[in-house]
């Protein structure tokens, strides 16, 4: 028998363990990406943002200037992928000019022994009913306006139409590239609204903490009274009045929102802080030397953030509606103003002739709002799992 089987252990083996410390931010994102749904929503949001930036990179024409200010033939161009249009004309100079260009191009192409660049596909004065419709006041033409521009440049040397880049989605009534106008206006509007929301969150939260910790002092009472006065009148009325004073450019709209829209965040922050201020951790924080300002921004803001994130998405949609109303209420007199309201108004007016304008505008806004809403909801649920 082997006596070595029964021996006392001379030295006890110890297993060393290490405590891994992670910041709250790392723990938050680790918890966020642990769910497949969160990953899918985050990917969707990033793709929408990247698509917006990529679309901006392909802008080639000005967003508030006609393709050619000396020519009316760049106005109301159809999408470049669907060029043939049918348009009504009153008898006059414009109708006669188009017919003249068609005849000149037919002569030129015959002499050059090539296919004509432009021709009228349908003329109701001659192609339907003959002499019975020759003397009507309204004439319907079917033709390609892009080919018309080419024919004008070939046959009318004195009045050439110089267009550097043809518009992908066509042009509006003023000859402005719809693609450029749509992307730049929505980008500026969304960026303005997001900046306004950031300022509003800071101002609303700061005023709410000021009031909760100073309810009996005059400046605390003053802040609450101002908030009450502002909320007593619909926000859209305040914004419209301020935009009349500051203007309807992006900076005028931004200032108007900063001055008014903080009240929404003030109310929700005031209610949350009032509840949290009664908790024991507030007394514990004060006992270690933290003042009200340090407690507010180091402790309370993190706890209230989930509620604010939910409110942000609702406010984004409301702010887009308010900005759009500036154009629908005719407060924006300049039709070339880069405002999302002008875009929606133009898209609705041209829906019959160019439905792609309305389709792209609706898809653009809907995709951004949807992705932003979903992303903020999952952020809030991850930050505070009890709300999920």
Protein backbone atom coordinates (compact mmCIF):
# COMPACT_ATOMS: atom_id res chain seq x y z
CA UNK A 1 0.00 0.00 0.00
CA UNK A 2 1.17 3.44 -0.90
CA UNK A 3 1.44 5.48 2.28
CA UNK A 4 1.71 8.69 0.22
CA UNK A 5 -2.04 8.64 -0.31
CA UNK A 6 -2.65 9.93 3.15
CA UNK A 7 -0.78 13.15 3.67
CA UNK A 8 -1.61 16.48 5.19
CA UNK A 9 -1.50 19.47 2.89
CA UNK A 10 1.58 21.42 3.70
CA UNK A 11 0.36 24.71 2.22
CA UNK A 12 -3.18 25.86 1.55
CA UNK A 13 -3.75 27.06 -1.96
CA UNK A 14 -5.44 30.43 -2.20
CA UNK A 15 -7.46 31.70 -5.13
CA UNK A 16 -6.91 35.37 -5.72
CA UNK A 17 -9.93 37.42 -6.77
CA UNK A 18 -9.95 40.91 -8.20
CA UNK A 19 -12.78 43.40 -7.96
CA UNK A 20 -13.51 44.91 -11.37
CA UNK A 21 -14.74 48.45 -11.02
CA UNK A 22 -16.79 49.93 -13.86
CA UNK A 23 -18.15 53.42 -14.22
CA UNK A 24 -21.88 54.05 -14.32
CA UNK A 25 -21.60 54.98 -17.98
CA UNK A 26 -19.99 51.65 -18.89
CA UNK A 27 -22.57 49.74 -16.88
CA UNK A 28 -25.35 51.68 -18.62
CA UNK A 29 -24.14 50.86 -22.13
CA UNK A 30 -23.40 47.26 -21.16
CA UNK A 31 -26.97 46.89 -19.97
CA UNK A 32 -28.26 48.69 -23.06
CA UNK A 33 -26.48 46.44 -25.57
CA UNK A 34 -27.40 43.28 -23.69
CA UNK A 35 -30.83 43.34 -25.39
CA UNK A 36 -31.17 42.51 -29.07
CA UNK A 37 -34.13 44.88 -29.45
CA UNK A 38 -32.03 47.78 -28.18
CA UNK A 39 -29.27 46.91 -30.67
CA UNK A 40 -31.79 46.83 -33.52
CA UNK A 41 -33.30 50.20 -32.56
CA UNK A 42 -29.87 51.76 -32.09
CA UNK A 43 -28.78 50.48 -35.52
CA UNK A 44 -31.96 51.84 -37.10
CA UNK A 45 -31.38 55.27 -35.52
CA UNK A 46 -27.75 55.39 -36.66
CA UNK A 47 -28.71 54.38 -40.21
CA UNK A 48 -31.30 57.17 -40.38
CA UNK A 49 -28.76 59.75 -39.19
CA UNK A 50 -26.13 58.46 -41.63
CA UNK A 51 -28.67 58.56 -44.46
CA UNK A 52 -29.44 62.21 -43.65
CA UNK A 53 -25.74 63.10 -43.69
CA UNK A 54 -25.10 61.17 -46.91
CA UNK A 55 -28.03 62.91 -48.60
CA UNK A 56 -26.55 66.26 -47.58
CA UNK A 57 -23.29 65.28 -49.29
CA UNK A 58 -25.06 65.00 -52.66
CA UNK A 59 -26.49 68.52 -52.63
CA UNK A 60 -25.19 70.42 -55.67
CA UNK A 61 -27.60 73.34 -56.16
CA UNK A 62 -28.48 76.24 -53.82
CA UNK A 63 -31.46 75.69 -51.51
CA UNK A 64 -32.88 79.21 -51.86
CA UNK A 65 -31.87 80.29 -55.35
CA UNK A 66 -33.27 79.43 -58.77
CA UNK A 67 -31.29 77.20 -61.12
CA UNK A 68 -31.40 80.11 -63.55
CA UNK A 69 -32.99 83.36 -62.45
CA UNK A 70 -33.25 84.67 -66.03
CA UNK A 71 -35.47 81.82 -67.26
CA UNK A 72 -38.95 80.63 -66.35
CA UNK A 73 -38.36 77.28 -68.03
CA UNK A 74 -36.50 75.93 -65.00
CA UNK A 75 -39.62 76.44 -62.84
CA UNK A 76 -41.76 73.43 -61.87
CA UNK A 77 -39.43 70.87 -63.40
CA UNK A 78 -40.54 67.27 -62.73
CA UNK A 79 -38.29 64.66 -61.06
CA UNK A 80 -35.33 63.80 -63.25
CA UNK A 81 -36.33 60.11 -63.26
CA UNK A 82 -39.85 60.91 -64.58
CA UNK A 83 -39.33 63.76 -67.01
CA UNK A 84 -42.39 63.79 -69.29
CA UNK A 85 -45.14 66.14 -68.07
CA UNK A 86 -48.56 67.29 -69.22
CA UNK A 87 -49.21 70.97 -68.58
CA UNK A 88 -51.93 73.51 -69.36
CA UNK A 89 -50.99 76.75 -71.13
CA UNK A 90 -52.93 79.87 -71.91
CA UNK A 91 -52.43 81.10 -75.42
CA UNK A 92 -49.61 83.57 -75.43
CA UNK A 93 -45.88 84.08 -75.60
CA UNK A 94 -44.81 81.04 -73.55
CA UNK A 95 -46.89 78.60 -75.62
CA UNK A 96 -45.71 80.15 -78.89
CA UNK A 97 -42.07 80.02 -77.75
CA UNK A 98 -42.24 76.28 -76.94
CA UNK A 99 -43.80 75.55 -80.33
CA UNK A 100 -41.18 77.71 -82.04
CA UNK A 101 -38.33 75.85 -80.31
CA UNK A 102 -39.89 72.52 -81.35
CA UNK A 103 -40.00 73.66 -84.99
CA UNK A 104 -36.44 75.00 -84.90
CA UNK A 105 -35.18 71.77 -83.36
CA UNK A 106 -36.98 69.72 -86.00
CA UNK A 107 -35.30 71.79 -88.75
CA UNK A 108 -31.88 71.61 -87.09
CA UNK A 109 -32.02 67.84 -86.54
CA UNK A 110 -33.18 67.28 -90.15
CA UNK A 111 -30.25 69.30 -91.50
CA UNK A 112 -27.83 67.48 -89.15
CA UNK A 113 -29.38 64.12 -90.05
CA UNK A 114 -30.03 63.17 -86.41
CA UNK A 115 -32.92 62.61 -84.04
CA UNK A 116 -34.46 65.81 -82.62
CA UNK A 117 -33.51 66.58 -79.03
CA UNK A 118 -36.96 67.97 -78.26
CA UNK A 119 -40.43 67.54 -79.68
CA UNK A 120 -43.96 68.14 -78.42
CA UNK A 121 -45.45 64.72 -77.71
CA UNK A 122 -49.02 65.99 -77.57
CA UNK A 123 -50.66 69.32 -78.46
CA UNK A 124 -54.40 69.46 -77.74
CA UNK A 125 -54.89 72.28 -80.24
CA UNK A 126 -53.85 70.04 -83.14
CA UNK A 127 -53.77 66.43 -81.96
CA UNK A 128 -57.35 66.25 -80.66
CA UNK A 129 -60.26 67.53 -82.71
CA UNK A 130 -58.15 69.48 -85.17
CA UNK A 131 -59.64 72.89 -85.97
CA UNK A 132 -62.37 72.40 -83.33
CA UNK A 133 -59.83 72.93 -80.55
CA UNK A 134 -57.50 75.33 -82.34
CA UNK A 135 -59.21 78.40 -80.92
CA UNK A 136 -59.63 77.23 -77.31
CA UNK A 137 -58.17 79.40 -74.54
CA UNK A 138 -56.39 76.54 -72.77
CA UNK A 139 -53.94 74.28 -74.61
CA UNK A 140 -52.58 71.05 -73.15
CA UNK A 141 -49.01 70.09 -74.03
CA UNK A 142 -47.18 66.88 -73.22
CA UNK A 143 -43.41 67.22 -73.47
CA UNK A 144 -40.06 66.78 -71.73
CA UNK A 145 -39.00 70.10 -70.08
CA UNK A 146 -35.40 68.90 -69.70
CA UNK A 147 -35.23 68.28 -73.45
CA UNK A 148 -36.80 71.71 -73.95
CA UNK A 149 -33.88 73.31 -72.07
CA UNK A 150 -31.41 71.39 -74.24
CA UNK A 151 -33.25 72.51 -77.41
CA UNK A 152 -33.29 76.13 -76.26
CA UNK A 153 -29.51 76.03 -75.75
CA UNK A 154 -29.08 74.53 -79.26
CA UNK A 155 -31.45 76.82 -81.16
CA UNK A 156 -31.64 80.06 -79.19
CA UNK A 157 -28.09 81.38 -78.81
CA UNK A 158 -29.18 84.74 -77.35
CA UNK A 159 -31.07 83.26 -74.38
CA UNK A 160 -29.26 80.13 -73.31
CA UNK A 161 -30.30 78.46 -70.04
CA UNK A 162 -27.19 77.53 -68.11
CA UNK A 163 -27.89 74.86 -65.48
CA UNK A 164 -24.85 73.28 -63.86
CA UNK A 165 -26.62 70.37 -62.16
CA UNK A 166 -30.02 69.00 -63.07
CA UNK A 167 -32.32 68.56 -60.02
CA UNK A 168 -33.03 65.01 -58.90
CA UNK A 169 -36.52 65.76 -57.54
CA UNK A 170 -37.27 68.66 -59.87
CA UNK A 171 -37.85 72.30 -58.95
CA UNK A 172 -40.55 74.35 -57.26
CA UNK A 173 -42.48 77.37 -58.58
CA UNK A 174 -39.39 79.55 -58.24
CA UNK A 175 -37.02 77.16 -60.01
CA UNK A 176 -35.28 76.06 -56.77
CA UNK A 177 -33.91 72.53 -56.56
CA UNK A 178 -36.37 70.53 -54.42
CA UNK A 179 -33.74 67.99 -53.33
CA UNK A 180 -31.41 70.71 -52.00
CA UNK A 181 -34.26 72.66 -50.46
CA UNK A 182 -35.79 69.62 -48.77
CA UNK A 183 -32.58 68.28 -47.22
CA UNK A 184 -31.11 71.58 -46.06
CA UNK A 185 -34.37 72.92 -44.61
CA UNK A 186 -35.13 69.74 -42.66
CA UNK A 187 -31.52 69.49 -41.43
CA UNK A 188 -31.51 73.12 -40.24
CA UNK A 189 -34.95 72.78 -38.65
CA UNK A 190 -34.11 69.57 -36.77
CA UNK A 191 -30.73 70.94 -35.64
CA UNK A 192 -32.40 74.15 -34.43
CA UNK A 193 -35.06 72.21 -32.53
CA UNK A 194 -32.51 69.88 -30.91
CA UNK A 195 -30.42 72.87 -29.80
CA UNK A 196 -33.54 74.51 -28.42
CA UNK A 197 -34.48 71.32 -26.54
CA UNK A 198 -30.99 71.12 -25.00
CA UNK A 199 -31.27 74.71 -23.73
CA UNK A 200 -34.84 74.11 -22.54
CA UNK A 201 -33.84 71.02 -20.54
CA UNK A 202 -31.06 72.92 -18.78
CA UNK A 203 -33.17 76.02 -18.09
CA UNK A 204 -36.28 74.09 -17.03
CA UNK A 205 -34.38 71.75 -14.73
CA UNK A 206 -32.33 74.58 -13.21
CA UNK A 207 -35.41 76.73 -12.52
CA UNK A 208 -37.24 73.73 -11.06
CA UNK A 209 -34.42 72.98 -8.61
CA UNK A 210 -34.19 76.68 -7.75
CA UNK A 211 -37.87 76.73 -6.88
CA UNK A 212 -37.95 73.46 -4.91
CA UNK A 213 -35.00 74.46 -2.69
CA UNK A 214 -36.17 78.08 -2.34
CA UNK A 215 -39.97 77.91 -2.18
CA UNK A 216 -40.25 80.62 0.45
CA UNK A 217 -37.82 83.07 -1.14
CA UNK A 218 -38.90 85.80 -3.56
CA UNK A 219 -36.85 84.58 -6.52
CA UNK A 220 -38.20 81.04 -6.13
CA UNK A 221 -41.78 82.36 -6.09
CA UNK A 222 -41.00 84.64 -9.08
CA UNK A 223 -39.75 81.74 -11.20
CA UNK A 224 -42.87 79.70 -10.47
CA UNK A 225 -45.16 82.65 -11.27
CA UNK A 226 -43.40 83.24 -14.61
CA UNK A 227 -43.78 79.57 -15.50
CA UNK A 228 -47.47 79.70 -14.55
CA UNK A 229 -48.05 82.77 -16.74
CA UNK A 230 -46.27 81.21 -19.72
CA UNK A 231 -48.20 77.93 -19.45
CA UNK A 232 -51.53 79.74 -19.12
CA UNK A 233 -51.35 80.69 -22.82
CA UNK A 234 -50.76 78.03 -25.52
CA UNK A 235 -47.10 77.76 -26.39
CA UNK A 236 -47.69 78.13 -30.12
CA UNK A 237 -49.13 81.64 -29.57
CA UNK A 238 -46.03 82.73 -27.64
CA UNK A 239 -43.74 81.32 -30.35
CA UNK A 240 -45.68 83.05 -33.14
CA UNK A 241 -45.56 86.39 -31.30
CA UNK A 242 -41.83 86.11 -30.60
CA UNK A 243 -41.08 85.07 -34.19
CA UNK A 244 -42.78 88.26 -35.36
CA UNK A 245 -40.32 90.17 -33.19
CA UNK A 246 -37.14 88.09 -33.66
CA UNK A 247 -37.82 86.94 -37.23
CA UNK A 248 -38.42 83.53 -38.80
CA UNK A 249 -34.80 82.66 -39.55
CA UNK A 250 -33.30 79.74 -37.67
CA UNK A 251 -31.75 81.95 -34.98
CA UNK A 252 -35.04 83.82 -34.44
CA UNK A 253 -36.88 80.52 -34.02
CA UNK A 254 -34.15 79.22 -31.68
CA UNK A 255 -34.37 82.30 -29.43
CA UNK A 256 -38.16 82.03 -29.33
CA UNK A 257 -38.08 78.40 -28.23
CA UNK A 258 -35.38 79.07 -25.62
CA UNK A 259 -37.48 81.81 -24.04
CA UNK A 260 -40.75 79.87 -23.94
CA UNK A 261 -40.45 76.08 -24.26
CA UNK A 262 -38.53 75.45 -21.00
CA UNK A 263 -41.83 75.39 -19.08
CA UNK A 264 -42.58 71.77 -20.08
CA UNK A 265 -39.32 70.56 -18.58
CA UNK A 266 -39.81 72.86 -15.60
CA UNK A 267 -43.09 71.23 -14.60
CA UNK A 268 -41.91 67.64 -14.85
CA UNK A 269 -38.59 68.46 -13.14
CA UNK A 270 -40.36 70.34 -10.33
CA UNK A 271 -42.61 67.38 -9.56
CA UNK A 272 -39.74 64.89 -9.65
CA UNK A 273 -37.39 67.02 -7.55
CA UNK A 274 -40.12 67.68 -4.98
CA UNK A 275 -40.47 63.91 -4.44
CA UNK A 276 -36.75 63.15 -4.49
CA UNK A 277 -35.84 66.02 -2.17
CA UNK A 278 -37.57 64.17 0.69
CA UNK A 279 -35.37 61.10 0.34
CA UNK A 280 -32.63 60.30 2.80
CA UNK A 281 -29.81 60.54 0.27
CA UNK A 282 -30.37 64.31 0.12
CA UNK A 283 -29.62 64.62 3.84
CA UNK A 284 -26.68 62.24 3.43
CA UNK A 285 -25.30 64.36 0.60
CA UNK A 286 -25.60 67.51 2.67
CA UNK A 287 -23.89 65.81 5.59
CA UNK A 288 -20.77 65.21 3.51
CA UNK A 289 -20.63 68.88 2.50
CA UNK A 290 -22.50 69.04 -0.81
CA UNK A 291 -24.58 72.17 -1.39
CA UNK A 292 -27.89 72.38 -3.25
CA UNK A 293 -26.25 73.12 -6.61
CA UNK A 294 -23.94 70.11 -6.35
CA UNK A 295 -26.81 67.86 -5.28
CA UNK A 296 -28.94 69.14 -8.15
CA UNK A 297 -26.50 68.48 -10.98
CA UNK A 298 -24.59 65.51 -9.54
CA UNK A 299 -27.48 63.51 -8.07
CA UNK A 300 -30.94 64.71 -9.07
CA UNK A 301 -30.36 65.24 -12.79
CA UNK A 302 -29.32 61.61 -13.28
CA UNK A 303 -32.47 60.39 -11.55
CA UNK A 304 -34.81 62.67 -13.50
CA UNK A 305 -33.15 62.07 -16.88
CA UNK A 306 -35.36 59.07 -17.88
CA UNK A 307 -38.52 61.17 -17.54
CA UNK A 308 -36.92 63.98 -19.52
CA UNK A 309 -35.89 61.60 -22.33
CA UNK A 310 -39.48 60.45 -22.77
CA UNK A 311 -40.64 64.07 -22.93
CA UNK A 312 -37.96 65.00 -25.49
CA UNK A 313 -39.45 62.89 -28.28
CA UNK A 314 -42.92 64.34 -27.73
CA UNK A 315 -41.48 67.85 -27.69
CA UNK A 316 -39.59 67.20 -30.94
CA UNK A 317 -42.82 66.43 -32.81
CA UNK A 318 -44.63 69.40 -31.23
CA UNK A 319 -41.79 71.79 -32.10
CA UNK A 320 -41.76 70.61 -35.72
CA UNK A 321 -45.50 71.31 -35.85
CA UNK A 322 -45.01 74.79 -34.37
CA UNK A 323 -42.23 75.65 -36.83
CA UNK A 324 -44.36 74.40 -39.72
CA UNK A 325 -47.28 76.54 -38.62
CA UNK A 326 -45.23 79.70 -39.27
CA UNK A 327 -45.58 79.09 -43.01
CA UNK A 328 -49.17 77.84 -42.95
CA UNK A 329 -50.24 80.96 -41.02
CA UNK A 330 -48.44 83.13 -43.61
CA UNK A 331 -45.98 84.58 -41.09
CA UNK A 332 -43.22 83.66 -43.56
CA UNK A 333 -43.74 85.94 -46.54
CA UNK A 334 -40.52 85.02 -48.33
CA UNK A 335 -41.26 81.88 -50.34
CA UNK A 336 -37.51 81.14 -50.54
CA UNK A 337 -37.19 80.98 -46.74
CA UNK A 338 -35.57 77.69 -45.72
CA UNK A 339 -38.25 76.52 -43.31
CA UNK A 340 -39.83 73.10 -42.94
CA UNK A 341 -43.26 74.73 -43.05
CA UNK A 342 -42.53 76.16 -46.49
CA UNK A 343 -41.42 72.71 -47.63
CA UNK A 344 -44.62 71.06 -46.43
CA UNK A 345 -46.73 73.83 -47.93
CA UNK A 346 -45.01 73.57 -51.31
CA UNK A 347 -45.19 69.77 -51.24
CA UNK A 348 -48.95 69.84 -50.62
CA UNK A 349 -49.54 72.43 -53.32
CA UNK A 350 -47.53 70.51 -55.91
CA UNK A 351 -48.80 67.03 -54.90
CA UNK A 352 -50.78 66.68 -58.13
CA UNK A 353 -47.95 67.66 -60.48
CA UNK A 354 -45.02 66.29 -58.46
CA UNK A 355 -46.18 63.78 -55.80
CA UNK A 356 -42.58 62.74 -55.10
CA UNK A 357 -42.03 66.05 -53.32
CA UNK A 358 -44.67 65.19 -50.71
CA UNK A 359 -43.64 61.52 -50.54
CA UNK A 360 -39.97 62.28 -49.83
CA UNK A 361 -40.85 65.03 -47.32
CA UNK A 362 -43.24 62.78 -45.40
CA UNK A 363 -40.83 59.83 -45.38
CA UNK A 364 -37.94 62.02 -44.28
CA UNK A 365 -39.76 63.49 -41.27
CA UNK A 366 -41.52 60.24 -40.32
CA UNK A 367 -38.34 58.14 -40.38
CA UNK A 368 -36.41 60.59 -38.24
CA UNK A 369 -39.19 61.07 -35.67
CA UNK A 370 -39.84 57.32 -35.46
CA UNK A 371 -36.18 56.38 -35.02
CA UNK A 372 -35.64 59.18 -32.50
CA UNK A 373 -38.73 58.16 -30.52
CA UNK A 374 -37.75 54.48 -30.33
CA UNK A 375 -34.16 55.29 -29.41
CA UNK A 376 -35.17 57.61 -26.56
CA UNK A 377 -37.69 55.09 -25.21
CA UNK A 378 -35.12 52.30 -24.96
CA UNK A 379 -32.58 54.72 -23.46
CA UNK A 380 -35.06 55.66 -20.76
CA UNK A 381 -35.99 52.05 -20.06
CA UNK A 382 -32.31 51.09 -19.80
CA UNK A 383 -31.52 54.01 -17.51
CA UNK A 384 -34.43 53.14 -15.24
CA UNK A 385 -35.41 49.44 -15.77
CA UNK A 386 -38.44 49.82 -13.47
CA UNK A 387 -40.11 51.95 -16.16
CA UNK A 388 -39.49 49.33 -18.87
